[in-house]
Amino acid sequence: MASFRQLFAEQPETAAGLAGLRDLDAAAELLDRLGARHGIATSAAEIRSHVRRLREEFSTNGELSVEALDGVSGGAQTEISELAFMLSCLGQPAGPGP
């Protein structure tokens, strides 16, 4: 996630496609393609797994570990979609939602 945050900070236009996505699967696929183009070694499956693990950690204990806090910007919410959580981890505004 840190590599994508850095990419989006340096080249904000690369994050433009995230805003219109509806779910984590589509976002993970887009990040996989962006990563391949920009030298970020990851896969859609790894992205989905990472986001779901962080979100589960957040849901289970109501707070994030130091590692998870590093990836999340903004305030905490008690219920947040996987996509909104991922966008928050990337420092991006939430998309249109369901």
PDB file of N, CA and C in Angstrom:
ATOM      1  N   MET A   1       0.819  -1.184   0.000  1.00  0.00           N
ATOM      2  CA  MET A   1       0.000   0.000   0.000  1.00  0.00           C
ATOM      3  C   MET A   1       0.871   1.259   0.000  1.00  0.00           C
ATOM      4  N   ALA A   2       1.974   1.194   0.716  1.00  0.00           N
ATOM      5  CA  ALA A   2       2.852   2.366   0.778  1.00  0.00           C
ATOM      6  C   ALA A   2       3.384   2.728  -0.604  1.00  0.00           C
ATOM      7  N   SER A   3       3.691   1.733  -1.415  1.00  0.00           N
ATOM      8  CA  SER A   3       4.195   2.003  -2.771  1.00  0.00           C
ATOM      9  C   SER A   3       3.134   2.681  -3.619  1.00  0.00           C
ATOM     10  N   PHE A   4       1.877   2.253  -3.474  1.00  0.00           N
ATOM     11  CA  PHE A   4       0.798   2.889  -4.228  1.00  0.00           C
ATOM     12  C   PHE A   4       0.532   4.303  -3.715  1.00  0.00           C
ATOM     13  N   ARG A   5       0.578   4.500  -2.398  1.00  0.00           N
ATOM     14  CA  ARG A   5       0.398   5.854  -1.851  1.00  0.00           C
ATOM     15  C   ARG A   5       1.465   6.783  -2.404  1.00  0.00           C
ATOM     16  N   GLN A   6       2.706   6.310  -2.471  1.00  0.00           N
ATOM     17  CA  GLN A   6       3.784   7.129  -3.004  1.00  0.00           C
ATOM     18  C   GLN A   6       3.550   7.429  -4.483  1.00  0.00           C
ATOM     19  N   LEU A   7       3.164   6.410  -5.250  1.00  0.00           N
ATOM     20  CA  LEU A   7       2.866   6.608  -6.668  1.00  0.00           C
ATOM     21  C   LEU A   7       1.775   7.650  -6.848  1.00  0.00           C
ATOM     22  N   PHE A   8       0.699   7.545  -6.081  1.00  0.00           N
ATOM     23  CA  PHE A   8      -0.422   8.475  -6.223  1.00  0.00           C
ATOM     24  C   PHE A   8      -0.050   9.883  -5.776  1.00  0.00           C
ATOM     25  N   ALA A   9       0.847   9.992  -4.807  1.00  0.00           N
ATOM     26  CA  ALA A   9       1.303  11.316  -4.376  1.00  0.00           C
ATOM     27  C   ALA A   9       2.152  11.971  -5.457  1.00  0.00           C
ATOM     28  N   GLU A  10       2.996  11.173  -6.109  1.00  0.00           N
ATOM     29  CA  GLU A  10       3.879  11.706  -7.146  1.00  0.00           C
ATOM     30  C   GLU A  10       3.169  11.888  -8.484  1.00  0.00           C
ATOM     31  N   GLN A  11       2.211  11.017  -8.781  1.00  0.00           N
ATOM     32  CA  GLN A  11       1.480  11.047 -10.050  1.00  0.00           C
ATOM     33  C   GLN A  11      -0.019  10.871  -9.763  1.00  0.00           C
ATOM     34  N   PRO A  12      -0.686  11.904  -9.266  1.00  0.00           N
ATOM     35  CA  PRO A  12      -2.087  11.788  -8.866  1.00  0.00           C
ATOM     36  C   PRO A  12      -3.006  11.254  -9.970  1.00  0.00           C
ATOM     37  N   GLU A  13      -2.664  11.509 -11.203  1.00  0.00           N
ATOM     38  CA  GLU A  13      -3.508  11.041 -12.303  1.00  0.00           C
ATOM     39  C   GLU A  13      -3.592   9.516 -12.371  1.00  0.00           C
ATOM     40  N   THR A  14      -2.610   8.817 -11.818  1.00  0.00           N
ATOM     41  CA  THR A  14      -2.647   7.353 -11.855  1.00  0.00           C
ATOM     42  C   THR A  14      -3.762   6.784 -10.989  1.00  0.00           C
ATOM     43  N   ALA A  15      -4.254   7.550 -10.023  1.00  0.00           N
ATOM     44  CA  ALA A  15      -5.328   7.096  -9.142  1.00  0.00           C
ATOM     45  C   ALA A  15      -6.710   7.437  -9.670  1.00  0.00           C
ATOM     46  N   ALA A  16      -6.778   8.120 -10.791  1.00  0.00           N
ATOM     47  CA  ALA A  16      -8.066   8.616 -11.296  1.00  0.00           C
ATOM     48  C   ALA A  16      -9.103   7.514 -11.476  1.00  0.00           C
ATOM     49  N   GLY A  17      -8.718   6.343 -11.928  1.00  0.00           N
ATOM     50  CA  GLY A  17      -9.671   5.270 -12.178  1.00  0.00           C
ATOM     51  C   GLY A  17     -10.278   4.659 -10.932  1.00  0.00           C
ATOM     52  N   LEU A  18      -9.669   4.861  -9.772  1.00  0.00           N
ATOM     53  CA  LEU A  18     -10.182   4.258  -8.543  1.00  0.00           C
ATOM     54  C   LEU A  18     -11.530   4.830  -8.118  1.00  0.00           C
ATOM     55  N   ALA A  19     -11.752   6.093  -8.357  1.00  0.00           N
ATOM     56  CA  ALA A  19     -12.961   6.759  -7.875  1.00  0.00           C
ATOM     57  C   ALA A  19     -14.242   6.153  -8.437  1.00  0.00           C
ATOM     58  N   GLY A  20     -14.217   5.627  -9.639  1.00  0.00           N
ATOM     59  CA  GLY A  20     -15.427   5.102 -10.250  1.00  0.00           C
ATOM     60  C   GLY A  20     -15.684   3.628 -10.015  1.00  0.00           C
ATOM     61  N   LEU A  21     -14.840   2.963  -9.253  1.00  0.00           N
ATOM     62  CA  LEU A  21     -14.992   1.529  -9.043  1.00  0.00           C
ATOM     63  C   LEU A  21     -16.032   1.229  -7.973  1.00  0.00           C
ATOM     64  N   ARG A  22     -16.621   0.048  -8.070  1.00  0.00           N
ATOM     65  CA  ARG A  22     -17.710  -0.310  -7.158  1.00  0.00           C
ATOM     66  C   ARG A  22     -17.339  -1.332  -6.093  1.00  0.00           C
ATOM     67  N   ASP A  23     -16.213  -2.070  -6.268  1.00  0.00           N
ATOM     68  CA  ASP A  23     -15.892  -3.076  -5.258  1.00  0.00           C
ATOM     69  C   ASP A  23     -14.388  -3.328  -5.182  1.00  0.00           C
ATOM     70  N   LEU A  24     -14.014  -4.048  -4.157  1.00  0.00           N
ATOM     71  CA  LEU A  24     -12.611  -4.341  -3.902  1.00  0.00           C
ATOM     72  C   LEU A  24     -11.990  -5.142  -5.036  1.00  0.00           C
ATOM     73  N   ASP A  25     -12.725  -6.087  -5.599  1.00  0.00           N
ATOM     74  CA  ASP A  25     -12.174  -6.911  -6.672  1.00  0.00           C
ATOM     75  C   ASP A  25     -11.749  -6.064  -7.868  1.00  0.00           C
ATOM     76  N   ALA A  26     -12.608  -5.152  -8.278  1.00  0.00           N
ATOM     77  CA  ALA A  26     -12.273  -4.275  -9.408  1.00  0.00           C
ATOM     78  C   ALA A  26     -11.088  -3.377  -9.071  1.00  0.00           C
ATOM     79  N   ALA A  27     -11.052  -2.876  -7.847  1.00  0.00           N
ATOM     80  CA  ALA A  27      -9.949  -2.008  -7.433  1.00  0.00           C
ATOM     81  C   ALA A  27      -8.637  -2.784  -7.372  1.00  0.00           C
ATOM     82  N   ALA A  28      -8.691  -4.011  -6.874  1.00  0.00           N
ATOM     83  CA  ALA A  28      -7.481  -4.830  -6.799  1.00  0.00           C
ATOM     84  C   ALA A  28      -6.950  -5.135  -8.195  1.00  0.00           C
ATOM     85  N   GLU A  29      -7.839  -5.412  -9.137  1.00  0.00           N
ATOM     86  CA  GLU A  29      -7.417  -5.670 -10.516  1.00  0.00           C
ATOM     87  C   GLU A  29      -6.761  -4.425 -11.123  1.00  0.00           C
ATOM     88  N   LEU A  30      -7.360  -3.252 -10.872  1.00  0.00           N
ATOM     89  CA  LEU A  30      -6.783  -2.010 -11.387  1.00  0.00           C
ATOM     90  C   LEU A  30      -5.404  -1.761 -10.761  1.00  0.00           C
ATOM     91  N   LEU A  31      -5.290  -1.955  -9.452  1.00  0.00           N
ATOM     92  CA  LEU A  31      -4.001  -1.758  -8.793  1.00  0.00           C
ATOM     93  C   LEU A  31      -2.963  -2.750  -9.304  1.00  0.00           C
ATOM     94  N   ASP A  32      -3.385  -3.954  -9.592  1.00  0.00           N
ATOM     95  CA  ASP A  32      -2.479  -4.952 -10.158  1.00  0.00           C
ATOM     96  C   ASP A  32      -1.903  -4.445 -11.483  1.00  0.00           C
ATOM     97  N   ARG A  33      -2.764  -3.919 -12.342  1.00  0.00           N
ATOM     98  CA  ARG A  33      -2.309  -3.392 -13.640  1.00  0.00           C
ATOM     99  C   ARG A  33      -1.425  -2.159 -13.456  1.00  0.00           C
ATOM    100  N   LEU A  34      -1.830  -1.264 -12.562  1.00  0.00           N
ATOM    101  CA  LEU A  34      -1.014  -0.070 -12.301  1.00  0.00           C
ATOM    102  C   LEU A  34       0.346  -0.467 -11.735  1.00  0.00           C
ATOM    103  N   GLY A  35       0.347  -1.420 -10.828  1.00  0.00           N
ATOM    104  CA  GLY A  35       1.593  -1.880 -10.241  1.00  0.00           C
ATOM    105  C   GLY A  35       2.532  -2.434 -11.295  1.00  0.00           C
ATOM    106  N   ALA A  36       1.994  -3.223 -12.214  1.00  0.00           N
ATOM    107  CA  ALA A  36       2.818  -3.805 -13.280  1.00  0.00           C
ATOM    108  C   ALA A  36       3.442  -2.709 -14.145  1.00  0.00           C
ATOM    109  N   ARG A  37       2.683  -1.653 -14.415  1.00  0.00           N
ATOM    110  CA  ARG A  37       3.199  -0.553 -15.243  1.00  0.00           C
ATOM    111  C   ARG A  37       4.220   0.314 -14.532  1.00  0.00           C
ATOM    112  N   HIS A  38       4.165   0.326 -13.207  1.00  0.00           N
ATOM    113  CA  HIS A  38       5.017   1.250 -12.442  1.00  0.00           C
ATOM    114  C   HIS A  38       6.011   0.527 -11.534  1.00  0.00           C
ATOM    115  N   GLY A  39       6.243  -0.750 -11.800  1.00  0.00           N
ATOM    116  CA  GLY A  39       7.271  -1.478 -11.058  1.00  0.00           C
ATOM    117  C   GLY A  39       6.922  -1.840  -9.629  1.00  0.00           C
ATOM    118  N   ILE A  40       5.648  -1.956  -9.323  1.00  0.00           N
ATOM    119  CA  ILE A  40       5.222  -2.365  -7.981  1.00  0.00           C
ATOM    120  C   ILE A  40       4.840  -3.846  -8.067  1.00  0.00           C
ATOM    121  N   ALA A  41       5.640  -4.669  -7.441  1.00  0.00           N
ATOM    122  CA  ALA A  41       5.441  -6.114  -7.515  1.00  0.00           C
ATOM    123  C   ALA A  41       4.344  -6.556  -6.554  1.00  0.00           C
ATOM    124  N   THR A  42       3.180  -6.862  -7.103  1.00  0.00           N
ATOM    125  CA  THR A  42       2.049  -7.344  -6.318  1.00  0.00           C
ATOM    126  C   THR A  42       1.075  -8.027  -7.258  1.00  0.00           C
ATOM    127  N   SER A  43       0.027  -8.570  -6.708  1.00  0.00           N
ATOM    128  CA  SER A  43      -1.019  -9.172  -7.522  1.00  0.00           C
ATOM    129  C   SER A  43      -2.374  -8.755  -6.953  1.00  0.00           C
ATOM    130  N   ALA A  44      -3.405  -8.907  -7.744  1.00  0.00           N
ATOM    131  CA  ALA A  44      -4.753  -8.578  -7.282  1.00  0.00           C
ATOM    132  C   ALA A  44      -5.102  -9.416  -6.050  1.00  0.00           C
ATOM    133  N   ALA A  45      -4.717 -10.694  -6.069  1.00  0.00           N
ATOM    134  CA  ALA A  45      -5.010 -11.572  -4.929  1.00  0.00           C
ATOM    135  C   ALA A  45      -4.309 -11.082  -3.664  1.00  0.00           C
ATOM    136  N   GLU A  46      -3.067 -10.653  -3.779  1.00  0.00           N
ATOM    137  CA  GLU A  46      -2.334 -10.137  -2.620  1.00  0.00           C
ATOM    138  C   GLU A  46      -2.980  -8.858  -2.092  1.00  0.00           C
ATOM    139  N   ILE A  47      -3.420  -8.004  -2.990  1.00  0.00           N
ATOM    140  CA  ILE A  47      -4.055  -6.746  -2.584  1.00  0.00           C
ATOM    141  C   ILE A  47      -5.351  -7.042  -1.837  1.00  0.00           C
ATOM    142  N   ARG A  48      -6.196  -7.902  -2.412  1.00  0.00           N
ATOM    143  CA  ARG A  48      -7.461  -8.259  -1.743  1.00  0.00           C
ATOM    144  C   ARG A  48      -7.194  -8.856  -0.362  1.00  0.00           C
ATOM    145  N   SER A  49      -6.259  -9.775  -0.286  1.00  0.00           N
ATOM    146  CA  SER A  49      -5.940 -10.434   0.980  1.00  0.00           C
ATOM    147  C   SER A  49      -5.452  -9.430   2.013  1.00  0.00           C
ATOM    148  N   HIS A  50      -4.575  -8.532   1.599  1.00  0.00           N
ATOM    149  CA  HIS A  50      -4.024  -7.519   2.508  1.00  0.00           C
ATOM    150  C   HIS A  50      -5.127  -6.605   3.043  1.00  0.00           C
ATOM    151  N   VAL A  51      -5.974  -6.120   2.159  1.00  0.00           N
ATOM    152  CA  VAL A  51      -7.057  -5.217   2.574  1.00  0.00           C
ATOM    153  C   VAL A  51      -8.023  -5.938   3.504  1.00  0.00           C
ATOM    154  N   ARG A  52      -8.381  -7.159   3.157  1.00  0.00           N
ATOM    155  CA  ARG A  52      -9.319  -7.915   4.004  1.00  0.00           C
ATOM    156  C   ARG A  52      -8.722  -8.220   5.368  1.00  0.00           C
ATOM    157  N   ARG A  53      -7.417  -8.520   5.409  1.00  0.00           N
ATOM    158  CA  ARG A  53      -6.757  -8.780   6.691  1.00  0.00           C
ATOM    159  C   ARG A  53      -6.755  -7.524   7.558  1.00  0.00           C
ATOM    160  N   LEU A  54      -6.400  -6.390   6.966  1.00  0.00           N
ATOM    161  CA  LEU A  54      -6.394  -5.134   7.721  1.00  0.00           C
ATOM    162  C   LEU A  54      -7.793  -4.766   8.207  1.00  0.00           C
ATOM    163  N   ARG A  55      -8.769  -4.950   7.334  1.00  0.00           N
ATOM    164  CA  ARG A  55     -10.152  -4.609   7.707  1.00  0.00           C
ATOM    165  C   ARG A  55     -10.648  -5.526   8.816  1.00  0.00           C
ATOM    166  N   GLU A  56     -10.318  -6.805   8.736  1.00  0.00           N
ATOM    167  CA  GLU A  56     -10.705  -7.751   9.778  1.00  0.00           C
ATOM    168  C   GLU A  56     -10.057  -7.373  11.109  1.00  0.00           C
ATOM    169  N   GLU A  57      -8.795  -7.002  11.052  1.00  0.00           N
ATOM    170  CA  GLU A  57      -8.102  -6.572  12.262  1.00  0.00           C
ATOM    171  C   GLU A  57      -8.802  -5.357  12.862  1.00  0.00           C
ATOM    172  N   PHE A  58      -9.200  -4.441  12.012  1.00  0.00           N
ATOM    173  CA  PHE A  58      -9.908  -3.249  12.474  1.00  0.00           C
ATOM    174  C   PHE A  58     -11.251  -3.625  13.079  1.00  0.00           C
ATOM    175  N   SER A  59     -11.993  -4.504  12.410  1.00  0.00           N
ATOM    176  CA  SER A  59     -13.330  -4.898  12.872  1.00  0.00           C
ATOM    177  C   SER A  59     -13.276  -5.700  14.165  1.00  0.00           C
ATOM    178  N   THR A  60     -12.265  -6.540  14.310  1.00  0.00           N
ATOM    179  CA  THR A  60     -12.173  -7.431  15.458  1.00  0.00           C
ATOM    180  C   THR A  60     -11.913  -6.685  16.753  1.00  0.00           C
ATOM    181  N   ASN A  61     -10.965  -5.784  16.733  1.00  0.00           N
ATOM    182  CA  ASN A  61     -10.602  -5.134  17.995  1.00  0.00           C
ATOM    183  C   ASN A  61     -10.933  -3.652  18.049  1.00  0.00           C
ATOM    184  N   GLY A  62     -11.557  -3.128  16.991  1.00  0.00           N
ATOM    185  CA  GLY A  62     -11.977  -1.734  17.010  1.00  0.00           C
ATOM    186  C   GLY A  62     -10.865  -0.719  16.853  1.00  0.00           C
ATOM    187  N   GLU A  63      -9.665  -1.214  16.723  1.00  0.00           N
ATOM    188  CA  GLU A  63      -8.548  -0.307  16.481  1.00  0.00           C
ATOM    189  C   GLU A  63      -7.538  -1.007  15.594  1.00  0.00           C
ATOM    190  N   LEU A  64      -6.666  -0.229  15.033  1.00  0.00           N
ATOM    191  CA  LEU A  64      -5.678  -0.766  14.106  1.00  0.00           C
ATOM    192  C   LEU A  64      -4.317  -0.875  14.766  1.00  0.00           C
ATOM    193  N   SER A  65      -3.548  -1.845  14.311  1.00  0.00           N
ATOM    194  CA  SER A  65      -2.172  -1.980  14.778  1.00  0.00           C
ATOM    195  C   SER A  65      -1.365  -0.798  14.238  1.00  0.00           C
ATOM    196  N   VAL A  66      -0.136  -0.680  14.699  1.00  0.00           N
ATOM    197  CA  VAL A  66       0.747   0.370  14.198  1.00  0.00           C
ATOM    198  C   VAL A  66       0.916   0.221  12.685  1.00  0.00           C
ATOM    199  N   GLU A  67       1.070  -1.031  12.208  1.00  0.00           N
ATOM    200  CA  GLU A  67       1.206  -1.269  10.765  1.00  0.00           C
ATOM    201  C   GLU A  67      -0.045  -0.814  10.014  1.00  0.00           C
ATOM    202  N   ALA A  68      -1.202  -1.158  10.540  1.00  0.00           N
ATOM    203  CA  ALA A  68      -2.449  -0.784   9.875  1.00  0.00           C
ATOM    204  C   ALA A  68      -2.671   0.724   9.921  1.00  0.00           C
ATOM    205  N   LEU A  69      -2.358   1.344  11.050  1.00  0.00           N
ATOM    206  CA  LEU A  69      -2.514   2.790  11.156  1.00  0.00           C
ATOM    207  C   LEU A  69      -1.682   3.523  10.117  1.00  0.00           C
ATOM    208  N   ASP A  70      -0.524   2.949   9.794  1.00  0.00           N
ATOM    209  CA  ASP A  70       0.338   3.551   8.787  1.00  0.00           C
ATOM    210  C   ASP A  70      -0.368   3.615   7.435  1.00  0.00           C
ATOM    211  N   GLY A  71      -1.296   2.692   7.201  1.00  0.00           N
ATOM    212  CA  GLY A  71      -1.953   2.637   5.909  1.00  0.00           C
ATOM    213  C   GLY A  71      -3.275   3.366   5.831  1.00  0.00           C
ATOM    214  N   VAL A  72      -3.778   3.864   6.921  1.00  0.00           N
ATOM    215  CA  VAL A  72      -5.108   4.464   6.918  1.00  0.00           C
ATOM    216  C   VAL A  72      -5.012   5.961   7.179  1.00  0.00           C
ATOM    217  N   SER A  73      -5.741   6.719   6.386  1.00  0.00           N
ATOM    218  CA  SER A  73      -5.810   8.161   6.628  1.00  0.00           C
ATOM    219  C   SER A  73      -7.241   8.512   6.991  1.00  0.00           C
ATOM    220  N   GLY A  74      -7.407   9.577   7.712  1.00  0.00           N
ATOM    221  CA  GLY A  74      -8.752  10.005   8.072  1.00  0.00           C
ATOM    222  C   GLY A  74      -9.228   9.342   9.352  1.00  0.00           C
ATOM    223  N   GLY A  75     -10.482   9.607   9.706  1.00  0.00           N
ATOM    224  CA  GLY A  75     -11.061   9.096  10.937  1.00  0.00           C
ATOM    225  C   GLY A  75     -11.541   7.672  10.808  1.00  0.00           C
ATOM    226  N   ALA A  76     -11.716   7.030  11.935  1.00  0.00           N
ATOM    227  CA  ALA A  76     -12.191   5.645  11.968  1.00  0.00           C
ATOM    228  C   ALA A  76     -13.712   5.617  11.858  1.00  0.00           C
ATOM    229  N   GLN A  77     -14.206   4.602  11.196  1.00  0.00           N
ATOM    230  CA  GLN A  77     -15.641   4.365  11.097  1.00  0.00           C
ATOM    231  C   GLN A  77     -15.902   2.971  11.639  1.00  0.00           C
ATOM    232  N   THR A  78     -17.090   2.754  12.217  1.00  0.00           N
ATOM    233  CA  THR A  78     -17.365   1.438  12.763  1.00  0.00           C
ATOM    234  C   THR A  78     -17.697   0.440  11.662  1.00  0.00           C
ATOM    235  N   GLU A  79     -18.314   0.827  10.583  1.00  0.00           N
ATOM    236  CA  GLU A  79     -18.616  -0.067   9.471  1.00  0.00           C
ATOM    237  C   GLU A  79     -18.189   0.612   8.183  1.00  0.00           C
ATOM    238  N   ILE A  80     -17.351  -0.061   7.440  1.00  0.00           N
ATOM    239  CA  ILE A  80     -16.806   0.526   6.233  1.00  0.00           C
ATOM    240  C   ILE A  80     -16.659  -0.589   5.198  1.00  0.00           C
ATOM    241  N   SER A  81     -17.016  -0.307   3.963  1.00  0.00           N
ATOM    242  CA  SER A  81     -16.893  -1.321   2.923  1.00  0.00           C
ATOM    243  C   SER A  81     -15.428  -1.637   2.661  1.00  0.00           C
ATOM    244  N   GLU A  82     -15.181  -2.805   2.066  1.00  0.00           N
ATOM    245  CA  GLU A  82     -13.807  -3.177   1.727  1.00  0.00           C
ATOM    246  C   GLU A  82     -13.187  -2.146   0.794  1.00  0.00           C
ATOM    247  N   LEU A  83     -13.954  -1.687  -0.200  1.00  0.00           N
ATOM    248  CA  LEU A  83     -13.433  -0.707  -1.148  1.00  0.00           C
ATOM    249  C   LEU A  83     -13.131   0.613  -0.450  1.00  0.00           C
ATOM    250  N   ALA A  84     -14.055   1.105   0.367  1.00  0.00           N
ATOM    251  CA  ALA A  84     -13.826   2.366   1.070  1.00  0.00           C
ATOM    252  C   ALA A  84     -12.627   2.250   2.003  1.00  0.00           C
ATOM    253  N   PHE A  85     -12.488   1.097   2.646  1.00  0.00           N
ATOM    254  CA  PHE A  85     -11.343   0.879   3.525  1.00  0.00           C
ATOM    255  C   PHE A  85     -10.051   0.920   2.719  1.00  0.00           C
ATOM    256  N   MET A  86     -10.035   0.237   1.564  1.00  0.00           N
ATOM    257  CA  MET A  86      -8.838   0.225   0.732  1.00  0.00           C
ATOM    258  C   MET A  86      -8.500   1.632   0.250  1.00  0.00           C
ATOM    259  N   LEU A  87      -9.506   2.383  -0.197  1.00  0.00           N
ATOM    260  CA  LEU A  87      -9.263   3.747  -0.664  1.00  0.00           C
ATOM    261  C   LEU A  87      -8.719   4.606   0.459  1.00  0.00           C
ATOM    262  N   SER A  88      -9.226   4.404   1.656  1.00  0.00           N
ATOM    263  CA  SER A  88      -8.713   5.138   2.802  1.00  0.00           C
ATOM    264  C   SER A  88      -7.246   4.796   3.059  1.00  0.00           C
ATOM    265  N   CYS A  89      -6.913   3.510   2.940  1.00  0.00           N
ATOM    266  CA  CYS A  89      -5.523   3.076   3.114  1.00  0.00           C
ATOM    267  C   CYS A  89      -4.605   3.726   2.070  1.00  0.00           C
ATOM    268  N   LEU A  90      -5.165   4.004   0.906  1.00  0.00           N
ATOM    269  CA  LEU A  90      -4.389   4.603  -0.177  1.00  0.00           C
ATOM    270  C   LEU A  90      -4.426   6.122  -0.153  1.00  0.00           C
ATOM    271  N   GLY A  91      -5.157   6.702   0.805  1.00  0.00           N
ATOM    272  CA  GLY A  91      -5.249   8.154   0.895  1.00  0.00           C
ATOM    273  C   GLY A  91      -6.101   8.750  -0.199  1.00  0.00           C
ATOM    274  N   GLN A  92      -7.065   7.962  -0.709  1.00  0.00           N
ATOM    275  CA  GLN A  92      -7.923   8.406  -1.808  1.00  0.00           C
ATOM    276  C   GLN A  92      -9.348   8.601  -1.303  1.00  0.00           C
ATOM    277  N   PRO A  93     -10.105   9.513  -1.924  1.00  0.00           N
ATOM    278  CA  PRO A  93     -11.486   9.696  -1.526  1.00  0.00           C
ATOM    279  C   PRO A  93     -12.319   8.471  -1.881  1.00  0.00           C
ATOM    280  N   ALA A  94     -13.350   8.231  -1.116  1.00  0.00           N
ATOM    281  CA  ALA A  94     -14.234   7.087  -1.371  1.00  0.00           C
ATOM    282  C   ALA A  94     -14.953   7.259  -2.697  1.00  0.00           C
ATOM    283  N   GLY A  95     -15.184   6.137  -3.341  1.00  0.00           N
ATOM    284  CA  GLY A  95     -15.896   6.131  -4.625  1.00  0.00           C
ATOM    285  C   GLY A  95     -17.385   6.271  -4.429  1.00  0.00           C
ATOM    286  N   PRO A  96     -18.178   5.966  -5.473  1.00  0.00           N
ATOM    287  CA  PRO A  96     -19.607   6.159  -5.414  1.00  0.00           C
ATOM    288  C   PRO A  96     -20.329   5.183  -4.504  1.00  0.00           C
ATOM    289  N   GLY A  97     -19.721   4.042  -4.202  1.00  0.00           N
ATOM    290  CA  GLY A  97     -20.347   3.060  -3.338  1.00  0.00           C
ATOM    291  C   GLY A  97     -21.438   2.307  -4.044  1.00  0.00           C
ATOM    292  N   PRO A  98     -22.085   1.364  -3.326  1.00  0.00           N
ATOM    293  CA  PRO A  98     -23.124   0.540  -3.968  1.00  0.00           C
ATOM    294  C   PRO A  98     -24.373   1.296  -4.268  1.00  0.00           C
TER     295      PRO A  98
END
